[in-house]
Amino acid sequence: MRVYADEMPLSASQFATFQDYVTKLTRRSEFRAKGIRFLKEDVTQVVSHDHDILQCLDIVLGAMNFRLNDKYLDKPPGACRRGAKTLARLKVYQHINQRIREIYPNFNIGVTTGHHGNKANRWRHSYRHWNFRSKNWVMVPGGKRRKKKAP
């Protein structure tokens, strides 16, 4: 099995550590059961713009980032309305969200879908959504999202 990772800002030794990590996944029972095996030489970096499937993945991930980080609310400095590119990106996100909701009717972009059902579903689901958080992420009990204040 091959792994094509989009170019990462890593040194050669850091990428070698990443390759080792992916290679060691082969030892996990769920990978062995499915006959999935990663060889170090099959874990490589590529430029996503040169691969259609990776380019599509970039679009989906960019749309999720756009919404999760409230970039859809951004307005150019001094403007009253959002820019044309922001509105176009919002439409892309809305389309992707609509398609995901065909799979997960109550999809919430802020919640991981990876824990639905039994472990076998990891291989059966056509879409899995993981919500990654930074190390310094803090949950505020009873907290609500607040609108950004104007600059």
N, C-alpha and C. Protein backbone atom coordinates (compact mmCIF):
# COMPACT_ATOMS: atom_id res chain seq x y z
N MET A 1 0.85 -1.16 0.00
CA MET A 1 0.00 0.00 0.00
C MET A 1 0.90 1.23 0.00
N ARG A 2 0.52 2.23 -0.78
CA ARG A 2 1.31 3.46 -0.86
C ARG A 2 0.63 4.59 -0.12
N VAL A 3 1.45 5.48 0.45
CA VAL A 3 0.96 6.66 1.15
C VAL A 3 1.61 7.87 0.50
N TYR A 4 0.75 8.73 -0.07
CA TYR A 4 1.24 9.96 -0.70
C TYR A 4 0.84 11.13 0.19
N ALA A 5 1.76 11.62 0.96
CA ALA A 5 1.50 12.75 1.85
C ALA A 5 1.84 14.04 1.11
N ASP A 6 0.96 15.04 1.23
CA ASP A 6 1.24 16.34 0.64
C ASP A 6 2.52 16.87 1.27
N GLU A 7 3.25 17.65 0.53
CA GLU A 7 4.53 18.17 1.05
C GLU A 7 4.36 18.72 2.46
N MET A 8 5.22 18.26 3.34
CA MET A 8 5.17 18.68 4.74
C MET A 8 6.42 19.48 5.07
N PRO A 9 6.29 20.49 5.93
CA PRO A 9 7.47 21.28 6.30
C PRO A 9 8.30 20.53 7.34
N LEU A 10 8.92 19.42 6.92
CA LEU A 10 9.70 18.59 7.83
C LEU A 10 11.12 18.45 7.31
N SER A 11 12.05 18.29 8.24
CA SER A 11 13.42 17.98 7.85
C SER A 11 13.45 16.52 7.40
N ALA A 12 14.54 16.10 6.80
CA ALA A 12 14.67 14.71 6.34
C ALA A 12 14.53 13.74 7.50
N SER A 13 15.10 14.07 8.65
CA SER A 13 15.00 13.16 9.81
C SER A 13 13.57 13.12 10.36
N GLN A 14 12.89 14.25 10.36
CA GLN A 14 11.50 14.27 10.82
C GLN A 14 10.60 13.46 9.89
N PHE A 15 10.85 13.56 8.58
CA PHE A 15 10.05 12.77 7.65
C PHE A 15 10.35 11.29 7.81
N ALA A 16 11.59 10.94 8.08
CA ALA A 16 11.95 9.53 8.33
C ALA A 16 11.21 9.01 9.56
N THR A 17 11.05 9.85 10.59
CA THR A 17 10.29 9.47 11.78
C THR A 17 8.82 9.23 11.40
N PHE A 18 8.28 10.09 10.56
CA PHE A 18 6.90 9.91 10.07
C PHE A 18 6.77 8.60 9.29
N GLN A 19 7.74 8.33 8.41
CA GLN A 19 7.72 7.07 7.64
C GLN A 19 7.73 5.87 8.58
N ASP A 20 8.56 5.93 9.60
CA ASP A 20 8.63 4.83 10.58
C ASP A 20 7.29 4.64 11.28
N TYR A 21 6.66 5.73 11.65
CA TYR A 21 5.36 5.66 12.33
C TYR A 21 4.33 4.95 11.44
N VAL A 22 4.24 5.39 10.18
CA VAL A 22 3.27 4.79 9.25
C VAL A 22 3.60 3.32 9.02
N THR A 23 4.86 3.01 8.87
CA THR A 23 5.29 1.62 8.66
C THR A 23 4.89 0.75 9.85
N LYS A 24 5.00 1.26 11.06
CA LYS A 24 4.65 0.49 12.26
C LYS A 24 3.15 0.26 12.40
N LEU A 25 2.33 1.05 11.70
CA LEU A 25 0.89 0.82 11.72
C LEU A 25 0.55 -0.59 11.21
N THR A 26 1.41 -1.13 10.36
CA THR A 26 1.22 -2.47 9.82
C THR A 26 1.09 -3.51 10.92
N ARG A 27 1.67 -3.26 12.06
CA ARG A 27 1.63 -4.21 13.18
C ARG A 27 0.28 -4.25 13.89
N ARG A 28 -0.55 -3.24 13.70
CA ARG A 28 -1.84 -3.20 14.38
C ARG A 28 -2.76 -4.29 13.84
N SER A 29 -3.54 -4.86 14.72
CA SER A 29 -4.39 -6.00 14.35
C SER A 29 -5.38 -5.66 13.24
N GLU A 30 -5.99 -4.47 13.29
CA GLU A 30 -6.97 -4.12 12.25
C GLU A 30 -6.34 -3.97 10.87
N PHE A 31 -5.08 -3.56 10.81
CA PHE A 31 -4.38 -3.46 9.54
C PHE A 31 -4.00 -4.86 9.05
N ARG A 32 -3.47 -5.68 9.96
CA ARG A 32 -3.11 -7.05 9.60
C ARG A 32 -4.32 -7.83 9.11
N ALA A 33 -5.46 -7.66 9.78
CA ALA A 33 -6.68 -8.39 9.41
C ALA A 33 -7.13 -8.05 7.99
N LYS A 34 -6.87 -6.83 7.55
CA LYS A 34 -7.26 -6.40 6.20
C LYS A 34 -6.13 -6.59 5.18
N GLY A 35 -5.00 -7.10 5.64
CA GLY A 35 -3.87 -7.31 4.74
C GLY A 35 -3.22 -6.03 4.28
N ILE A 36 -3.34 -4.99 5.09
CA ILE A 36 -2.75 -3.69 4.73
C ILE A 36 -1.34 -3.62 5.28
N ARG A 37 -0.42 -3.33 4.38
CA ARG A 37 0.99 -3.31 4.75
C ARG A 37 1.65 -2.08 4.16
N PHE A 38 2.39 -1.35 4.96
CA PHE A 38 3.11 -0.17 4.50
C PHE A 38 4.60 -0.44 4.52
N LEU A 39 5.26 -0.22 3.42
CA LEU A 39 6.71 -0.31 3.35
C LEU A 39 7.26 1.11 3.40
N LYS A 40 8.41 1.27 4.04
CA LYS A 40 8.97 2.61 4.21
C LYS A 40 9.14 3.33 2.87
N GLU A 41 9.57 2.62 1.84
CA GLU A 41 9.79 3.26 0.54
C GLU A 41 8.49 3.65 -0.16
N ASP A 42 7.35 3.14 0.33
CA ASP A 42 6.05 3.50 -0.26
C ASP A 42 5.38 4.67 0.44
N VAL A 43 6.04 5.24 1.44
CA VAL A 43 5.53 6.43 2.13
C VAL A 43 6.36 7.60 1.62
N THR A 44 5.73 8.47 0.84
CA THR A 44 6.48 9.54 0.19
C THR A 44 5.70 10.84 0.19
N GLN A 45 6.40 11.92 -0.08
CA GLN A 45 5.78 13.24 -0.18
C GLN A 45 5.55 13.57 -1.66
N VAL A 46 4.44 14.23 -1.94
CA VAL A 46 4.13 14.66 -3.30
C VAL A 46 3.60 16.08 -3.27
N VAL A 47 3.51 16.68 -4.42
CA VAL A 47 2.88 18.00 -4.57
C VAL A 47 1.43 17.72 -4.96
N SER A 48 0.48 18.08 -4.09
CA SER A 48 -0.92 17.72 -4.31
C SER A 48 -1.46 18.26 -5.63
N HIS A 49 -0.94 19.37 -6.09
CA HIS A 49 -1.43 19.96 -7.34
C HIS A 49 -1.16 19.06 -8.54
N ASP A 50 -0.26 18.10 -8.38
CA ASP A 50 0.06 17.17 -9.46
C ASP A 50 -0.80 15.90 -9.42
N HIS A 51 -1.69 15.79 -8.44
CA HIS A 51 -2.51 14.60 -8.27
C HIS A 51 -3.97 15.00 -8.05
N ASP A 52 -4.84 14.62 -8.97
CA ASP A 52 -6.23 15.05 -8.91
C ASP A 52 -6.93 14.68 -7.61
N ILE A 53 -6.74 13.46 -7.14
CA ILE A 53 -7.43 13.03 -5.91
C ILE A 53 -6.93 13.84 -4.71
N LEU A 54 -5.63 14.07 -4.63
CA LEU A 54 -5.11 14.89 -3.52
C LEU A 54 -5.59 16.33 -3.63
N GLN A 55 -5.74 16.83 -4.84
CA GLN A 55 -6.25 18.19 -5.03
C GLN A 55 -7.68 18.28 -4.51
N CYS A 56 -8.48 17.25 -4.80
CA CYS A 56 -9.86 17.21 -4.29
C CYS A 56 -9.87 17.16 -2.77
N LEU A 57 -8.98 16.37 -2.19
CA LEU A 57 -8.88 16.30 -0.74
C LEU A 57 -8.51 17.66 -0.16
N ASP A 58 -7.60 18.36 -0.81
CA ASP A 58 -7.24 19.72 -0.37
C ASP A 58 -8.47 20.63 -0.35
N ILE A 59 -9.34 20.49 -1.33
CA ILE A 59 -10.55 21.33 -1.40
C ILE A 59 -11.46 21.01 -0.21
N VAL A 60 -11.67 19.72 0.07
CA VAL A 60 -12.53 19.34 1.20
C VAL A 60 -11.93 19.83 2.51
N LEU A 61 -10.64 19.58 2.73
CA LEU A 61 -10.00 20.02 3.98
C LEU A 61 -10.00 21.54 4.10
N GLY A 62 -9.76 22.23 2.99
CA GLY A 62 -9.79 23.69 3.00
C GLY A 62 -11.17 24.22 3.36
N ALA A 63 -12.21 23.56 2.85
CA ALA A 63 -13.58 23.98 3.16
C ALA A 63 -13.87 23.79 4.65
N MET A 64 -13.42 22.69 5.21
CA MET A 64 -13.63 22.44 6.64
C MET A 64 -12.88 23.48 7.48
N ASN A 65 -11.64 23.75 7.11
CA ASN A 65 -10.83 24.76 7.81
C ASN A 65 -11.50 26.13 7.72
N PHE A 66 -12.00 26.47 6.55
CA PHE A 66 -12.67 27.74 6.29
C PHE A 66 -13.84 27.93 7.25
N ARG A 67 -14.63 26.88 7.45
CA ARG A 67 -15.82 26.98 8.31
C ARG A 67 -15.45 26.89 9.79
N LEU A 68 -14.59 25.95 10.15
CA LEU A 68 -14.23 25.76 11.56
C LEU A 68 -13.52 26.97 12.16
N ASN A 69 -12.79 27.69 11.33
CA ASN A 69 -12.05 28.86 11.81
C ASN A 69 -12.76 30.17 11.51
N ASP A 70 -14.06 30.09 11.22
CA ASP A 70 -14.91 31.26 11.00
C ASP A 70 -14.40 32.20 9.91
N LYS A 71 -13.66 31.67 8.95
CA LYS A 71 -13.16 32.52 7.86
C LYS A 71 -14.28 32.96 6.93
N TYR A 72 -15.42 32.26 6.99
CA TYR A 72 -16.57 32.63 6.16
C TYR A 72 -17.18 33.96 6.60
N LEU A 73 -16.80 34.45 7.77
CA LEU A 73 -17.29 35.73 8.29
C LEU A 73 -16.39 36.90 7.92
N ASP A 74 -15.20 36.60 7.39
CA ASP A 74 -14.21 37.64 7.10
C ASP A 74 -14.71 38.63 6.04
N LYS A 75 -14.41 39.90 6.29
CA LYS A 75 -14.70 40.97 5.34
C LYS A 75 -13.40 41.71 5.08
N PRO A 76 -13.23 42.20 3.86
CA PRO A 76 -12.03 43.00 3.59
C PRO A 76 -12.00 44.22 4.51
N PRO A 77 -10.83 44.70 4.88
CA PRO A 77 -10.74 45.87 5.76
C PRO A 77 -11.53 47.05 5.20
N GLY A 78 -12.39 47.61 6.02
CA GLY A 78 -13.18 48.76 5.64
C GLY A 78 -14.44 48.43 4.84
N ALA A 79 -14.65 47.16 4.52
CA ALA A 79 -15.82 46.78 3.73
C ALA A 79 -17.00 46.42 4.63
N CYS A 80 -18.19 46.55 4.09
CA CYS A 80 -19.41 46.19 4.82
C CYS A 80 -19.84 44.76 4.52
N ARG A 81 -19.37 44.23 3.40
CA ARG A 81 -19.78 42.90 2.95
C ARG A 81 -18.57 42.01 2.75
N ARG A 82 -18.85 40.73 2.75
CA ARG A 82 -17.79 39.75 2.49
C ARG A 82 -17.40 39.81 1.01
N GLY A 83 -16.15 39.47 0.74
CA GLY A 83 -15.65 39.51 -0.62
C GLY A 83 -16.18 38.36 -1.47
N ALA A 84 -16.02 38.49 -2.79
CA ALA A 84 -16.52 37.49 -3.73
C ALA A 84 -15.85 36.12 -3.49
N LYS A 85 -14.55 36.11 -3.21
CA LYS A 85 -13.87 34.83 -2.97
C LYS A 85 -14.37 34.17 -1.70
N THR A 86 -14.63 34.96 -0.67
CA THR A 86 -15.15 34.41 0.57
C THR A 86 -16.52 33.78 0.34
N LEU A 87 -17.37 34.46 -0.42
CA LEU A 87 -18.70 33.93 -0.72
C LEU A 87 -18.61 32.67 -1.59
N ALA A 88 -17.66 32.64 -2.52
CA ALA A 88 -17.47 31.46 -3.36
C ALA A 88 -17.00 30.28 -2.51
N ARG A 89 -16.06 30.54 -1.59
CA ARG A 89 -15.59 29.48 -0.69
C ARG A 89 -16.73 28.97 0.20
N LEU A 90 -17.58 29.88 0.64
CA LEU A 90 -18.72 29.48 1.46
C LEU A 90 -19.64 28.55 0.67
N LYS A 91 -19.87 28.85 -0.60
CA LYS A 91 -20.72 27.98 -1.43
C LYS A 91 -20.08 26.61 -1.60
N VAL A 92 -18.77 26.55 -1.75
CA VAL A 92 -18.08 25.26 -1.85
C VAL A 92 -18.28 24.48 -0.55
N TYR A 93 -18.07 25.15 0.59
CA TYR A 93 -18.29 24.48 1.88
C TYR A 93 -19.73 23.97 2.00
N GLN A 94 -20.69 24.81 1.64
CA GLN A 94 -22.10 24.42 1.77
C GLN A 94 -22.42 23.21 0.89
N HIS A 95 -21.84 23.15 -0.29
CA HIS A 95 -22.06 22.00 -1.16
C HIS A 95 -21.45 20.73 -0.55
N ILE A 96 -20.23 20.84 -0.07
CA ILE A 96 -19.57 19.68 0.56
C ILE A 96 -20.37 19.24 1.78
N ASN A 97 -20.80 20.18 2.59
CA ASN A 97 -21.58 19.88 3.80
C ASN A 97 -22.88 19.16 3.42
N GLN A 98 -23.54 19.63 2.37
CA GLN A 98 -24.78 19.00 1.91
C GLN A 98 -24.53 17.55 1.51
N ARG A 99 -23.42 17.29 0.81
CA ARG A 99 -23.11 15.92 0.38
C ARG A 99 -22.78 15.03 1.58
N ILE A 100 -22.08 15.58 2.57
CA ILE A 100 -21.77 14.80 3.78
C ILE A 100 -23.05 14.47 4.53
N ARG A 101 -23.99 15.40 4.54
CA ARG A 101 -25.27 15.17 5.24
C ARG A 101 -26.11 14.08 4.57
N GLU A 102 -25.79 13.75 3.33
CA GLU A 102 -26.46 12.60 2.70
C GLU A 102 -25.98 11.30 3.35
N ILE A 103 -24.77 11.32 3.88
CA ILE A 103 -24.20 10.15 4.56
C ILE A 103 -24.53 10.20 6.05
N TYR A 104 -24.33 11.38 6.66
CA TYR A 104 -24.60 11.62 8.08
C TYR A 104 -25.65 12.72 8.19
N PRO A 105 -26.94 12.37 8.26
CA PRO A 105 -28.00 13.38 8.25
C PRO A 105 -27.86 14.49 9.29
N ASN A 106 -27.34 14.21 10.45
CA ASN A 106 -27.19 15.24 11.49
C ASN A 106 -25.73 15.65 11.66
N PHE A 107 -25.00 15.68 10.57
CA PHE A 107 -23.57 15.98 10.61
C PHE A 107 -23.30 17.32 11.28
N ASN A 108 -22.32 17.32 12.18
CA ASN A 108 -21.87 18.52 12.88
C ASN A 108 -20.38 18.64 12.59
N ILE A 109 -19.98 19.68 11.92
CA ILE A 109 -18.59 19.85 11.50
C ILE A 109 -17.61 19.84 12.68
N GLY A 110 -18.08 20.19 13.86
CA GLY A 110 -17.20 20.25 15.02
C GLY A 110 -17.08 18.95 15.79
N VAL A 111 -17.69 17.86 15.29
CA VAL A 111 -17.68 16.58 16.01
C VAL A 111 -17.09 15.50 15.11
N THR A 112 -16.24 14.68 15.67
CA THR A 112 -15.64 13.57 14.96
C THR A 112 -16.68 12.51 14.65
N THR A 113 -16.69 12.02 13.41
CA THR A 113 -17.61 10.93 13.05
C THR A 113 -16.95 9.57 13.26
N GLY A 114 -15.70 9.57 13.59
CA GLY A 114 -14.93 8.33 13.66
C GLY A 114 -15.33 7.36 14.73
N HIS A 115 -16.18 7.73 15.66
CA HIS A 115 -16.53 6.83 16.75
C HIS A 115 -17.91 6.21 16.57
N HIS A 116 -18.48 6.33 15.37
CA HIS A 116 -19.81 5.77 15.13
C HIS A 116 -19.74 4.26 14.94
N GLY A 117 -20.50 3.51 15.72
CA GLY A 117 -20.62 2.08 15.52
C GLY A 117 -19.37 1.30 15.89
N ASN A 118 -19.29 0.11 15.35
CA ASN A 118 -18.18 -0.77 15.69
C ASN A 118 -16.94 -0.46 14.86
N LYS A 119 -15.83 -1.08 15.23
CA LYS A 119 -14.55 -0.79 14.57
C LYS A 119 -14.55 -1.17 13.09
N ALA A 120 -15.36 -2.16 12.72
CA ALA A 120 -15.42 -2.56 11.31
C ALA A 120 -15.90 -1.42 10.42
N ASN A 121 -16.66 -0.48 10.97
CA ASN A 121 -17.16 0.65 10.18
C ASN A 121 -16.03 1.54 9.69
N ARG A 122 -14.87 1.45 10.31
CA ARG A 122 -13.74 2.24 9.85
C ARG A 122 -13.42 1.93 8.39
N TRP A 123 -13.73 0.73 7.97
CA TRP A 123 -13.44 0.30 6.60
C TRP A 123 -14.66 0.39 5.70
N ARG A 124 -15.83 0.54 6.28
CA ARG A 124 -17.07 0.53 5.50
C ARG A 124 -17.60 1.91 5.17
N HIS A 125 -17.36 2.89 6.04
CA HIS A 125 -17.92 4.22 5.81
C HIS A 125 -17.24 4.91 4.62
N SER A 126 -18.05 5.59 3.83
CA SER A 126 -17.51 6.28 2.66
C SER A 126 -16.90 7.65 3.02
N TYR A 127 -17.22 8.15 4.20
CA TYR A 127 -16.64 9.43 4.64
C TYR A 127 -16.41 9.36 6.14
N ARG A 128 -15.23 9.76 6.58
CA ARG A 128 -14.91 9.85 8.00
C ARG A 128 -14.40 11.26 8.25
N HIS A 129 -14.87 11.88 9.29
CA HIS A 129 -14.51 13.27 9.61
C HIS A 129 -13.88 13.28 11.00
N TRP A 130 -12.65 13.74 11.07
CA TRP A 130 -11.94 13.80 12.34
C TRP A 130 -11.70 15.27 12.68
N ASN A 131 -12.06 15.64 13.89
CA ASN A 131 -11.88 17.02 14.33
C ASN A 131 -10.63 17.07 15.20
N PHE A 132 -9.53 17.55 14.63
CA PHE A 132 -8.28 17.63 15.36
C PHE A 132 -8.21 18.95 16.13
N ARG A 133 -7.63 18.89 17.30
CA ARG A 133 -7.50 20.08 18.14
C ARG A 133 -6.05 20.27 18.54
N SER A 134 -5.65 21.51 18.70
CA SER A 134 -4.28 21.80 19.10
C SER A 134 -4.05 21.37 20.54
N LYS A 135 -2.78 21.24 20.92
CA LYS A 135 -2.43 20.81 22.28
C LYS A 135 -2.96 21.76 23.35
N ASN A 136 -3.06 23.03 23.02
CA ASN A 136 -3.49 24.02 24.02
C ASN A 136 -4.99 24.31 23.95
N TRP A 137 -5.75 23.45 23.28
CA TRP A 137 -7.20 23.61 23.17
C TRP A 137 -7.84 23.42 24.53
N VAL A 138 -8.77 24.30 24.88
CA VAL A 138 -9.44 24.24 26.18
C VAL A 138 -10.95 24.30 25.96
N MET A 139 -11.68 23.40 26.59
CA MET A 139 -13.14 23.40 26.53
C MET A 139 -13.66 24.26 27.67
N VAL A 140 -14.50 25.23 27.35
CA VAL A 140 -15.09 26.09 28.37
C VAL A 140 -16.48 25.54 28.67
N PRO A 141 -16.69 24.97 29.87
CA PRO A 141 -18.00 24.39 30.20
C PRO A 141 -19.12 25.42 30.04
N GLY A 142 -20.17 25.03 29.33
CA GLY A 142 -21.30 25.93 29.13
C GLY A 142 -20.99 27.08 28.20
N GLY A 143 -19.81 27.06 27.60
CA GLY A 143 -19.42 28.16 26.72
C GLY A 143 -20.19 28.15 25.42
N LYS A 144 -20.37 29.32 24.85
CA LYS A 144 -21.05 29.45 23.57
C LYS A 144 -20.13 30.17 22.62
N ARG A 145 -20.33 29.90 21.34
CA ARG A 145 -19.54 30.63 20.33
C ARG A 145 -19.99 32.08 20.37
N ARG A 146 -19.04 32.95 20.25
CA ARG A 146 -19.35 34.37 20.23
C ARG A 146 -18.98 34.96 18.89
N LYS A 147 -19.70 35.96 18.48
CA LYS A 147 -19.38 36.64 17.24
C LYS A 147 -18.06 37.39 17.42
N LYS A 148 -17.30 37.44 16.36
CA LYS A 148 -16.05 38.20 16.41
C LYS A 148 -16.38 39.68 16.51
N LYS A 149 -15.59 40.39 17.28
CA LYS A 149 -15.77 41.84 17.37
C LYS A 149 -15.10 42.48 16.15
N ALA A 150 -15.69 43.52 15.67
CA ALA A 150 -15.13 44.25 14.52
C ALA A 150 -13.77 44.82 14.91
N PRO A 151 -12.81 44.82 13.96
CA PRO A 151 -11.46 45.32 14.28
C PRO A 151 -11.41 46.79 14.54
